[in-house]
Amino acid sequence: MTAASLSPSRRAWLRFRANRRGYLSLWLFAIAFVLSMGAELLSNDRPIVARYDGRWYVPLVADYPETTFGGDFRTATDYLDPFIREQFRKPGNWALWPVNDYRFDTINYFAPSPNPAAPSGVNWLGTDDRGRDVLARLLYGFRLSVLFGLALTALGVMIGIVAGAVQGYFGGRTDLALQRFIEVWSSVPELYLLLILASIFEPSVWILLGILAIFGWMGLSDYVRAEFLRNRTLEYVTAARALGLADRQIIWRHILPNSLTPVVAFMPFRMSAAIVALTSLDFLGLGVPPTTPSLGELLAQGKSNLDAWWISLPTFAVLVGTLMLLIFIGEALRDALDTRRG
């Protein structure tokens, strides 16, 4: 098959694969993200499935009282209790445990050393100053950061495309009015607004997502606006107008598909900026609630416990590694969408 017979999308994919660093980064990021989406199966304080006294139980999704497994109380079962563990070791009983025996909010009351405890066979990356497993909080925190970055990127892309398309396609007074609005809106101090809202509302992922989304679209809208200003004067747009197509049809069917190159290349960098924003706000105490697993909260704990290197060092490595993978993916996408390359 010759290069001339390949479709533009196929040629772009081949250019992306030719960038080995970006292609490998995409695979590593995808594997890490898929594993984090199954965090409950990898790191949890409950067995995935268990068999006791001839009956099957699924503690991962259902609550059972302690009396179900030979305990004395009808309270929720603590599966880290040595007595419960011993019950599942009896002949005929067994339990399928996750790889790591702790959830992000599990406090290890049976830790052999005071908190924050150093890495050991019980807690592979140690515990924080509240006795919670660092590995579990890293896994769940990575998932939260990536999902937050994806959501913020998606909202910013949608708003930015709409704003940039309206500016670039209609131009004139519409473009000038929206440009002045963007200039005024971009001058609003985002951090001060977060401080004000943090004092009014309880910290929440959704509030944080909404505030950052209403500011995160302006950088992308400039690229979309420039593409629309260039493409609206081309012959195929003039022909579409002559055929009587509505503005909405021309924008959606003809100009937008040919203006998405900067949008696609911009997305990994926007996502990395969203992860940094969430981590920074959590580090300052302006992000998600304190009980939520967060990379920023772990960094703040590392700052407060400088001797507990096992808190800050793995967190820093996860954060830097994630950002590097996204940047390498973004660079590979930028090269893949460059039609001047072979």
Protein backbone atom coordinates (compact mmCIF):
# COMPACT_ATOMS: atom_id res chain seq x y z
CA MET A 1 0.00 0.00 0.00
CA THR A 2 1.48 3.33 -1.08
CA ALA A 3 1.44 6.49 1.03
CA ALA A 4 -0.82 8.20 -1.53
CA SER A 5 -3.52 5.55 -1.05
CA LEU A 6 -3.70 6.02 2.73
CA SER A 7 -6.41 8.14 4.29
CA PRO A 8 -5.36 11.28 6.19
CA SER A 9 -6.30 9.71 9.53
CA ARG A 10 -4.27 6.59 8.72
CA ARG A 11 -1.25 8.70 7.80
CA ALA A 12 -1.62 10.67 11.04
CA TRP A 13 -1.74 7.44 13.04
CA LEU A 14 1.41 6.16 11.31
CA ARG A 15 3.19 9.42 12.08
CA PHE A 16 2.10 9.09 15.71
CA ARG A 17 3.41 5.52 15.92
CA ALA A 18 6.69 6.64 14.39
CA ASN A 19 7.21 8.82 17.46
CA ARG A 20 8.27 5.98 19.75
CA ARG A 21 8.42 8.12 22.86
CA GLY A 22 4.88 9.39 22.43
CA TYR A 23 3.53 5.98 21.40
CA LEU A 24 5.09 4.28 24.43
CA SER A 25 3.84 7.08 26.68
CA LEU A 26 0.30 6.53 25.40
CA TRP A 27 0.48 2.83 26.27
CA LEU A 28 1.96 3.47 29.72
CA PHE A 29 -0.64 6.13 30.51
CA ALA A 30 -3.49 3.93 29.25
CA ILE A 31 -2.31 0.96 31.35
CA ALA A 32 -1.95 3.11 34.48
CA PHE A 33 -5.38 4.66 33.94
CA VAL A 34 -7.09 1.29 33.38
CA LEU A 35 -5.46 -0.11 36.52
CA SER A 36 -6.56 2.92 38.53
CA MET A 37 -10.14 2.49 37.32
CA GLY A 38 -10.06 -0.93 38.97
CA ALA A 39 -8.59 0.46 42.18
CA GLU A 40 -11.25 -1.24 44.29
CA LEU A 41 -10.08 -4.61 42.95
CA LEU A 42 -6.40 -3.85 43.50
CA SER A 43 -6.44 -2.00 46.81
CA ASN A 44 -9.24 -2.57 49.28
CA ASP A 45 -9.77 -3.56 52.90
CA ARG A 46 -12.40 -6.15 51.91
CA PRO A 47 -12.09 -9.46 50.12
CA ILE A 48 -13.34 -9.51 46.55
CA VAL A 49 -15.19 -12.76 47.10
CA ALA A 50 -15.24 -15.20 50.04
CA ARG A 51 -16.57 -18.62 50.97
CA TYR A 52 -17.45 -19.31 54.60
CA ASP A 53 -19.26 -22.31 56.06
CA GLY A 54 -20.31 -23.47 52.61
CA ARG A 55 -21.82 -20.15 51.55
CA TRP A 56 -20.57 -17.54 49.08
CA TYR A 57 -20.15 -13.88 50.00
CA VAL A 58 -19.13 -10.80 48.02
CA PRO A 59 -17.80 -8.36 50.65
CA LEU A 60 -16.58 -5.98 47.95
CA VAL A 61 -20.13 -4.89 47.14
CA ALA A 62 -22.14 -5.94 50.20
CA ASP A 63 -21.88 -5.34 53.94
CA TYR A 64 -21.98 -8.27 56.34
CA PRO A 65 -22.10 -8.15 60.13
CA GLU A 66 -19.24 -9.64 62.11
CA THR A 67 -21.48 -12.47 63.34
CA THR A 68 -21.63 -13.81 59.78
CA PHE A 69 -17.99 -14.87 60.08
CA GLY A 70 -18.03 -16.09 63.68
CA GLY A 71 -17.69 -12.76 65.47
CA ASP A 72 -19.55 -11.59 68.56
CA PHE A 73 -21.02 -8.27 67.38
CA ARG A 74 -23.52 -7.31 64.69
CA THR A 75 -21.41 -4.37 63.59
CA ALA A 76 -19.81 -4.16 60.14
CA THR A 77 -17.00 -6.65 59.73
CA ASP A 78 -13.43 -5.38 60.02
CA TYR A 79 -11.64 -7.68 57.60
CA LEU A 80 -8.24 -6.51 58.87
CA ASP A 81 -9.02 -7.95 62.31
CA PRO A 82 -6.65 -10.89 62.96
CA PHE A 83 -9.58 -12.95 64.26
CA ILE A 84 -11.52 -12.53 60.99
CA ARG A 85 -8.41 -13.33 59.00
CA GLU A 86 -7.95 -16.50 60.98
CA GLN A 87 -11.57 -17.50 60.33
CA PHE A 88 -10.95 -17.52 56.59
CA ARG A 89 -7.85 -19.71 57.03
CA LYS A 90 -9.85 -22.58 58.51
CA PRO A 91 -10.40 -25.66 56.31
CA GLY A 92 -13.18 -25.11 53.79
CA ASN A 93 -13.11 -21.32 54.17
CA TRP A 94 -11.18 -18.97 51.96
CA ALA A 95 -11.19 -15.41 50.63
CA LEU A 96 -9.81 -13.73 47.52
CA TRP A 97 -8.04 -10.61 48.73
CA PRO A 98 -6.92 -7.61 46.67
CA VAL A 99 -3.22 -7.13 45.98
CA ASN A 100 -3.09 -4.38 48.61
CA ASP A 101 -5.19 -4.84 51.74
CA TYR A 102 -6.14 -1.19 52.26
CA ARG A 103 -8.55 1.33 50.82
CA PHE A 104 -7.68 5.01 50.60
CA ASP A 105 -9.49 5.77 53.87
CA THR A 106 -8.56 2.62 55.78
CA ILE A 107 -6.74 3.25 59.04
CA ASN A 108 -4.44 0.42 60.02
CA TYR A 109 -5.13 0.04 63.73
CA PHE A 110 -2.90 -3.04 63.82
CA ALA A 111 0.24 -1.33 62.51
CA PRO A 112 3.40 -2.45 64.32
CA SER A 113 4.86 1.07 64.50
CA PRO A 114 3.47 4.58 65.14
CA ASN A 115 2.24 6.77 62.31
CA PRO A 116 3.53 7.87 59.92
CA ALA A 117 4.98 4.36 59.61
CA ALA A 118 7.86 3.59 57.26
CA PRO A 119 7.42 1.14 54.35
CA SER A 120 7.13 -2.48 55.46
CA GLY A 121 5.64 -5.79 54.43
CA VAL A 122 2.32 -4.60 55.89
CA ASN A 123 2.21 -1.19 54.18
CA TRP A 124 4.41 -1.30 51.11
CA LEU A 125 4.81 2.48 50.87
CA GLY A 126 4.20 3.19 54.55
CA THR A 127 1.36 5.16 56.11
CA ASP A 128 0.59 8.85 56.43
CA ASP A 129 0.26 10.73 59.70
CA ARG A 130 -3.29 9.38 60.15
CA GLY A 131 -2.42 5.74 59.58
CA ARG A 132 -3.76 5.50 56.01
CA ASP A 133 -1.91 3.46 53.42
CA VAL A 134 0.16 5.67 51.09
CA LEU A 135 0.04 3.22 48.18
CA ALA A 136 -3.77 3.10 48.30
CA ARG A 137 -4.06 6.87 48.45
CA LEU A 138 -1.66 7.20 45.51
CA LEU A 139 -3.69 4.77 43.42
CA TYR A 140 -7.04 6.39 44.19
CA GLY A 141 -5.53 9.89 44.00
CA PHE A 142 -4.10 9.22 40.55
CA ARG A 143 -7.54 8.12 39.36
CA LEU A 144 -9.17 11.24 40.76
CA SER A 145 -6.55 13.48 39.13
CA VAL A 146 -6.91 11.86 35.71
CA LEU A 147 -10.72 11.88 35.80
CA PHE A 148 -10.70 15.51 36.94
CA GLY A 149 -8.29 16.39 34.16
CA LEU A 150 -10.42 14.62 31.56
CA ALA A 151 -13.61 16.31 32.75
CA LEU A 152 -12.04 19.76 32.90
CA THR A 153 -10.44 19.29 29.49
CA ALA A 154 -13.74 18.15 27.95
CA LEU A 155 -15.63 21.14 29.37
CA GLY A 156 -12.92 23.57 28.33
CA VAL A 157 -12.77 22.11 24.82
CA MET A 158 -16.55 22.32 24.34
CA ILE A 159 -16.80 25.91 25.55
CA GLY A 160 -13.65 26.94 23.69
CA ILE A 161 -14.83 25.44 20.40
CA VAL A 162 -18.21 27.16 20.61
CA ALA A 163 -16.72 30.54 21.52
CA GLY A 164 -13.93 30.33 18.95
CA ALA A 165 -16.27 29.13 16.21
CA VAL A 166 -18.73 31.98 16.77
CA GLN A 167 -15.92 34.54 16.77
CA GLY A 168 -14.12 33.19 13.75
CA TYR A 169 -17.12 32.44 11.57
CA PHE A 170 -19.19 35.59 12.07
CA GLY A 171 -16.31 38.00 12.69
CA GLY A 172 -17.04 41.74 12.72
CA ARG A 173 -18.83 43.10 15.75
CA THR A 174 -19.50 39.64 17.13
CA ASP A 175 -15.79 38.91 17.15
CA LEU A 176 -14.94 42.28 18.71
CA ALA A 177 -17.58 41.94 21.43
CA LEU A 178 -16.46 38.46 22.42
CA GLN A 179 -12.80 39.49 22.34
CA ARG A 180 -13.49 42.33 24.77
CA PHE A 181 -15.48 39.95 26.99
CA ILE A 182 -12.57 37.48 27.02
CA GLU A 183 -10.14 40.24 27.93
CA VAL A 184 -12.31 41.31 30.86
CA TRP A 185 -13.05 37.74 31.98
CA SER A 186 -9.40 36.69 31.85
CA SER A 187 -8.49 39.58 34.17
CA VAL A 188 -10.71 38.20 36.96
CA PRO A 189 -8.40 36.80 39.69
CA GLU A 190 -9.17 33.10 39.69
CA LEU A 191 -7.42 32.34 42.98
CA TYR A 192 -9.30 35.08 44.83
CA LEU A 193 -12.58 33.75 43.51
CA LEU A 194 -11.66 30.29 44.80
CA LEU A 195 -10.80 31.73 48.22
CA ILE A 196 -14.16 33.49 48.40
CA LEU A 197 -16.14 30.42 47.36
CA ALA A 198 -14.13 28.17 49.69
CA SER A 199 -15.25 30.34 52.60
CA ILE A 200 -18.91 30.11 51.52
CA PHE A 201 -19.32 26.54 50.31
CA GLU A 202 -17.98 23.23 51.54
CA PRO A 203 -15.05 22.08 49.37
CA SER A 204 -16.26 19.86 46.54
CA VAL A 205 -14.87 18.38 43.35
CA TRP A 206 -17.88 19.69 41.41
CA ILE A 207 -17.52 23.26 42.65
CA LEU A 208 -13.83 23.19 41.81
CA LEU A 209 -14.54 21.73 38.39
CA GLY A 210 -17.14 24.38 37.62
CA ILE A 211 -14.91 27.28 38.66
CA LEU A 212 -11.90 26.08 36.69
CA ALA A 213 -14.07 25.25 33.66
CA ILE A 214 -15.40 28.79 33.31
CA PHE A 215 -11.80 30.03 33.08
CA GLY A 216 -10.15 27.16 31.22
CA TRP A 217 -11.63 27.65 27.76
CA MET A 218 -10.08 30.96 26.75
CA GLY A 219 -6.70 29.65 25.61
CA LEU A 220 -8.25 27.13 23.25
CA SER A 221 -10.83 29.53 21.84
CA ASP A 222 -8.04 31.66 20.35
CA TYR A 223 -6.77 28.72 18.30
CA VAL A 224 -10.25 27.77 17.10
CA ARG A 225 -11.00 31.39 16.22
CA ALA A 226 -7.85 31.62 14.10
CA GLU A 227 -8.69 28.40 12.26
CA PHE A 228 -12.25 29.57 11.53
CA LEU A 229 -11.03 32.98 10.34
CA ARG A 230 -8.74 31.21 7.89
CA ASN A 231 -11.13 28.49 6.73
CA ARG A 232 -14.25 30.63 6.27
CA THR A 233 -12.69 32.33 3.22
CA LEU A 234 -11.82 29.09 1.41
CA GLU A 235 -13.63 27.95 -1.72
CA TYR A 236 -15.52 25.00 -0.21
CA VAL A 237 -17.17 27.34 2.33
CA THR A 238 -18.14 29.77 -0.41
CA ALA A 239 -19.61 26.88 -2.40
CA ALA A 240 -21.58 25.69 0.64
CA ARG A 241 -23.05 29.18 1.07
CA ALA A 242 -23.96 29.27 -2.61
CA LEU A 243 -25.83 25.98 -2.21
CA GLY A 244 -27.94 27.59 0.50
CA LEU A 245 -26.65 25.71 3.53
CA ALA A 246 -27.39 27.28 6.90
CA ASP A 247 -24.59 28.73 9.00
CA ARG A 248 -24.99 25.93 11.53
CA GLN A 249 -24.53 23.30 8.81
CA ILE A 250 -21.49 25.03 7.36
CA ILE A 251 -19.87 25.31 10.79
CA TRP A 252 -20.65 21.77 11.88
CA ARG A 253 -20.12 19.85 8.62
CA HIS A 254 -17.42 21.76 6.81
CA ILE A 255 -15.34 24.20 8.86
CA LEU A 256 -15.19 22.46 12.25
CA PRO A 257 -13.75 19.10 11.00
CA ASN A 258 -10.98 21.06 9.27
CA SER A 259 -10.27 23.18 12.35
CA LEU A 260 -9.75 20.47 14.97
CA THR A 261 -6.00 20.01 14.50
CA PRO A 262 -4.99 22.53 17.21
CA VAL A 263 -7.78 21.24 19.46
CA VAL A 264 -6.52 17.65 19.40
CA ALA A 265 -2.89 18.71 19.88
CA PHE A 266 -3.90 21.05 22.71
CA MET A 267 -5.80 18.47 24.78
CA PRO A 268 -2.91 16.57 26.49
CA PHE A 269 -1.29 19.85 27.53
CA ARG A 270 -4.61 21.15 28.83
CA MET A 271 -5.11 17.94 30.76
CA SER A 272 -1.68 18.20 32.38
CA ALA A 273 -2.47 21.80 33.37
CA ALA A 274 -5.74 20.63 34.94
CA ILE A 275 -3.94 17.99 37.01
CA VAL A 276 -1.40 20.56 38.18
CA ALA A 277 -4.21 22.97 39.10
CA LEU A 278 -6.02 20.33 41.17
CA THR A 279 -2.81 19.27 42.90
CA SER A 280 -1.85 22.87 43.68
CA LEU A 281 -5.25 23.75 45.11
CA ASP A 282 -5.32 20.58 47.21
CA PHE A 283 -1.84 21.38 48.48
CA LEU A 284 -3.11 24.81 49.58
CA GLY A 285 -6.25 23.32 51.15
CA LEU A 286 -8.61 24.89 48.60
CA GLY A 287 -9.46 21.78 46.62
CA VAL A 288 -11.33 18.60 47.46
CA PRO A 289 -12.42 17.66 51.01
CA PRO A 290 -9.59 16.43 53.27
CA THR A 291 -10.87 12.83 53.29
CA THR A 292 -10.69 12.59 49.49
CA PRO A 293 -7.55 10.86 48.15
CA SER A 294 -5.49 13.51 46.42
CA LEU A 295 -1.92 13.94 45.25
CA GLY A 296 -1.90 17.52 46.54
CA GLU A 297 -3.04 16.42 50.00
CA LEU A 298 -0.23 13.83 50.11
CA LEU A 299 2.31 16.50 49.14
CA ALA A 300 0.99 18.71 51.92
CA GLN A 301 1.43 15.84 54.37
CA GLY A 302 4.96 15.32 53.09
CA LYS A 303 5.70 18.99 53.76
CA SER A 304 4.39 18.65 57.30
CA ASN A 305 6.36 15.43 57.89
CA LEU A 306 9.71 16.04 56.26
CA ASP A 307 11.25 12.99 57.90
CA ALA A 308 8.59 10.73 56.34
CA TRP A 309 10.18 10.65 52.88
CA TRP A 310 7.89 7.77 51.85
CA ILE A 311 4.96 10.21 51.63
CA SER A 312 6.35 12.98 49.45
CA LEU A 313 8.83 11.07 47.26
CA PRO A 314 6.41 8.52 45.68
CA THR A 315 3.76 11.23 45.30
CA PHE A 316 6.21 13.51 43.52
CA ALA A 317 7.29 10.63 41.27
CA VAL A 318 3.67 9.81 40.33
CA LEU A 319 2.86 13.45 39.60
CA VAL A 320 5.98 14.10 37.53
CA GLY A 321 5.62 10.80 35.68
CA THR A 322 1.99 11.54 34.79
CA LEU A 323 2.82 15.02 33.50
CA MET A 324 5.77 13.73 31.47
CA LEU A 325 3.64 11.05 29.82
CA LEU A 326 0.97 13.60 28.89
CA ILE A 327 3.54 16.01 27.48
CA PHE A 328 5.15 13.28 25.38
CA ILE A 329 1.71 12.26 24.08
CA GLY A 330 0.95 15.88 23.23
CA GLU A 331 4.21 16.27 21.33
CA ALA A 332 3.54 13.10 19.37
CA LEU A 333 0.02 14.30 18.51
CA ARG A 334 1.37 17.63 17.34
CA ASP A 335 3.84 15.89 15.04
CA ALA A 336 1.23 13.43 13.81
CA LEU A 337 -1.16 16.20 12.80
CA ASP A 338 1.57 18.11 10.96
CA THR A 339 0.78 17.30 7.31
CA ARG A 340 4.19 18.58 6.21
CA ARG A 341 5.75 15.44 7.63
CA GLY A 342 5.92 12.29 5.55
